[in-house]
Amino acid sequence: MVGRTDGTFFGLVPFINGQMIDTSSKLTHDRYEVYVNGDFVGQKTLLTTREDVTSVNEFLHTQGYNDFITNLDGDHYNIQTTKKERELKQALQIYLHTR
C-alpha cells in the first residue's frame, strides 16, 4: 500500500480504538547529549512538548549551582563552569540517569 506524505493512506485517516490518530505529531522524544567542560555526563530526554533542555539549568539552580554558562549546539548541550565542576557533574549524572 502506498502512503501519502500527510500520514494517511488513500485519504483514509488512521484510527486506534475509535480515536483518530494525529499523524503530524512527533513519535519519538527529543534527546540531548549533556557535556560539562567538554566531558559527556549523560543524555537529557524531553518527555513532554512543554519541556526543553533548559530544565537542566533549573535543576542546577535548585541544587545551588549558579556559576555556569550554557550553549546549545545541535543536540549537544554544553555547560561551562569553573567552580565545583566535579560536584556539578555528579549531580547532573544522577539527575539525567533518574529522568
C-alpha atoms as a PDB file:
ATOM      1  CA  MET A   1       0.000   0.000   0.000  1.00  0.00           C
ATOM      2  CA  VAL A   2       1.430   3.365  -0.995  1.00  0.00           C
ATOM      3  CA  GLY A   3       1.166   6.064   1.664  1.00  0.00           C
ATOM      4  CA  ARG A   4       0.856   9.778   1.288  1.00  0.00           C
ATOM      5  CA  THR A   5       3.201  12.254   2.920  1.00  0.00           C
ATOM      6  CA  ASP A   6       0.455  13.503   5.258  1.00  0.00           C
ATOM      7  CA  GLY A   7       0.362  10.122   7.029  1.00  0.00           C
ATOM      8  CA  THR A   8      -2.906   8.879   5.529  1.00  0.00           C
ATOM      9  CA  PHE A   9      -3.399   6.007   3.128  1.00  0.00           C
ATOM     10  CA  PHE A  10      -5.519   6.902   0.108  1.00  0.00           C
ATOM     11  CA  GLY A  11      -7.191   9.705   2.041  1.00  0.00           C
ATOM     12  CA  LEU A  12      -8.175   7.484   4.986  1.00  0.00           C
ATOM     13  CA  VAL A  13      -7.499   8.850   8.444  1.00  0.00           C
ATOM     14  CA  PRO A  14      -5.964   6.213  10.763  1.00  0.00           C
ATOM     15  CA  PHE A  15      -7.877   5.261  13.921  1.00  0.00           C
ATOM     16  CA  ILE A  16      -6.894   3.240  17.005  1.00  0.00           C
ATOM     17  CA  ASN A  17      -9.626   2.121  19.403  1.00  0.00           C
ATOM     18  CA  GLY A  18     -12.058   4.507  17.725  1.00  0.00           C
ATOM     19  CA  GLN A  19      -9.772   7.515  18.248  1.00  0.00           C
ATOM     20  CA  MET A  20      -8.355   9.470  15.336  1.00  0.00           C
ATOM     21  CA  ILE A  21      -4.544   9.475  15.343  1.00  0.00           C
ATOM     22  CA  ASP A  22      -2.692  12.753  14.908  1.00  0.00           C
ATOM     23  CA  THR A  23      -0.154  11.666  12.295  1.00  0.00           C
ATOM     24  CA  SER A  24       1.550  15.051  12.276  1.00  0.00           C
ATOM     25  CA  SER A  25       2.831  14.755  15.844  1.00  0.00           C
ATOM     26  CA  LYS A  26       6.299  13.604  16.742  1.00  0.00           C
ATOM     27  CA  LEU A  27       6.641   9.909  17.518  1.00  0.00           C
ATOM     28  CA  THR A  28       9.980   9.999  19.282  1.00  0.00           C
ATOM     29  CA  HIS A  29      11.335  12.117  22.105  1.00  0.00           C
ATOM     30  CA  ASP A  30      13.958  14.780  21.602  1.00  0.00           C
ATOM     31  CA  ARG A  31      17.237  13.856  23.242  1.00  0.00           C
ATOM     32  CA  TYR A  32      20.259  15.997  24.028  1.00  0.00           C
ATOM     33  CA  GLU A  33      23.766  14.983  24.987  1.00  0.00           C
ATOM     34  CA  VAL A  34      24.893  16.983  28.024  1.00  0.00           C
ATOM     35  CA  TYR A  35      28.547  17.955  28.463  1.00  0.00           C
ATOM     36  CA  VAL A  36      30.289  19.755  31.318  1.00  0.00           C
ATOM     37  CA  ASN A  37      33.559  21.435  30.337  1.00  0.00           C
ATOM     38  CA  GLY A  38      33.750  19.123  27.328  1.00  0.00           C
ATOM     39  CA  ASP A  39      33.086  15.879  29.268  1.00  0.00           C
ATOM     40  CA  PHE A  40      29.956  13.867  28.436  1.00  0.00           C
ATOM     41  CA  VAL A  41      27.803  13.397  31.547  1.00  0.00           C
ATOM     42  CA  GLY A  42      24.576  11.944  30.133  1.00  0.00           C
ATOM     43  CA  GLN A  43      21.549  12.379  27.924  1.00  0.00           C
ATOM     44  CA  LYS A  44      18.561  14.594  28.603  1.00  0.00           C
ATOM     45  CA  THR A  45      15.376  13.209  27.073  1.00  0.00           C
ATOM     46  CA  LEU A  46      12.467  15.603  26.721  1.00  0.00           C
ATOM     47  CA  LEU A  47       9.338  13.689  27.650  1.00  0.00           C
ATOM     48  CA  THR A  48       6.686  16.356  27.037  1.00  0.00           C
ATOM     49  CA  THR A  49       6.186  19.048  24.428  1.00  0.00           C
ATOM     50  CA  ARG A  50       6.409  21.735  27.129  1.00  0.00           C
ATOM     51  CA  GLU A  51       9.769  20.554  28.442  1.00  0.00           C
ATOM     52  CA  ASP A  52      13.018  21.831  26.955  1.00  0.00           C
ATOM     53  CA  VAL A  53      16.707  21.305  27.579  1.00  0.00           C
ATOM     54  CA  THR A  54      16.921  24.373  29.841  1.00  0.00           C
ATOM     55  CA  SER A  55      15.243  22.321  32.573  1.00  0.00           C
ATOM     56  CA  VAL A  56      18.817  21.170  33.231  1.00  0.00           C
ATOM     57  CA  ASN A  57      19.597  24.759  34.249  1.00  0.00           C
ATOM     58  CA  GLU A  58      16.586  24.862  36.557  1.00  0.00           C
ATOM     59  CA  PHE A  59      17.755  21.672  38.235  1.00  0.00           C
ATOM     60  CA  LEU A  60      21.268  23.058  38.740  1.00  0.00           C
ATOM     61  CA  HIS A  61      19.894  26.290  40.206  1.00  0.00           C
ATOM     62  CA  THR A  62      17.747  24.364  42.707  1.00  0.00           C
ATOM     63  CA  GLN A  63      20.884  22.454  43.722  1.00  0.00           C
ATOM     64  CA  GLY A  64      22.736  25.707  44.413  1.00  0.00           C
ATOM     65  CA  TYR A  65      24.864  25.837  41.248  1.00  0.00           C
ATOM     66  CA  ASN A  66      24.723  29.312  39.738  1.00  0.00           C
ATOM     67  CA  ASP A  67      28.187  29.897  38.271  1.00  0.00           C
ATOM     68  CA  PHE A  68      27.886  28.288  34.854  1.00  0.00           C
ATOM     69  CA  ILE A  69      27.078  29.201  31.270  1.00  0.00           C
ATOM     70  CA  THR A  70      25.376  27.037  28.688  1.00  0.00           C
ATOM     71  CA  ASN A  71      25.406  26.676  24.933  1.00  0.00           C
ATOM     72  CA  LEU A  72      23.192  24.554  22.694  1.00  0.00           C
ATOM     73  CA  ASP A  73      24.967  23.237  19.597  1.00  0.00           C
ATOM     74  CA  GLY A  74      22.639  20.939  17.665  1.00  0.00           C
ATOM     75  CA  ASP A  75      21.854  18.092  20.059  1.00  0.00           C
ATOM     76  CA  HIS A  76      24.821  18.892  22.344  1.00  0.00           C
ATOM     77  CA  TYR A  77      24.090  20.927  25.464  1.00  0.00           C
ATOM     78  CA  ASN A  78      27.371  22.333  26.700  1.00  0.00           C
ATOM     79  CA  ILE A  79      27.798  23.607  30.253  1.00  0.00           C
ATOM     80  CA  GLN A  80      30.910  25.563  31.196  1.00  0.00           C
ATOM     81  CA  THR A  81      31.873  26.116  34.826  1.00  0.00           C
ATOM     82  CA  THR A  82      34.963  26.973  36.818  1.00  0.00           C
ATOM     83  CA  LYS A  83      33.541  26.231  40.268  1.00  0.00           C
ATOM     84  CA  LYS A  84      32.654  22.859  41.802  1.00  0.00           C
ATOM     85  CA  GLU A  85      32.996  21.065  38.465  1.00  0.00           C
ATOM     86  CA  ARG A  86      33.226  17.572  39.957  1.00  0.00           C
ATOM     87  CA  GLU A  87      30.197  18.058  42.219  1.00  0.00           C
ATOM     88  CA  LEU A  88      28.151  19.605  39.414  1.00  0.00           C
ATOM     89  CA  LYS A  89      28.946  16.658  37.131  1.00  0.00           C
ATOM     90  CA  GLN A  90      27.923  14.165  39.821  1.00  0.00           C
ATOM     91  CA  ALA A  91      24.649  15.971  40.477  1.00  0.00           C
ATOM     92  CA  LEU A  92      23.894  16.078  36.747  1.00  0.00           C
ATOM     93  CA  GLN A  93      24.713  12.389  36.259  1.00  0.00           C
ATOM     94  CA  ILE A  94      22.207  11.458  38.955  1.00  0.00           C
ATOM     95  CA  TYR A  95      19.573  13.849  37.548  1.00  0.00           C
ATOM     96  CA  LEU A  96      19.980  12.631  33.962  1.00  0.00           C
ATOM     97  CA  HIS A  97      20.011   8.978  34.991  1.00  0.00           C
ATOM     98  CA  THR A  98      16.786   9.218  37.012  1.00  0.00           C
ATOM     99  CA  ARG A  99      14.813  11.180  34.408  1.00  0.00           C
END
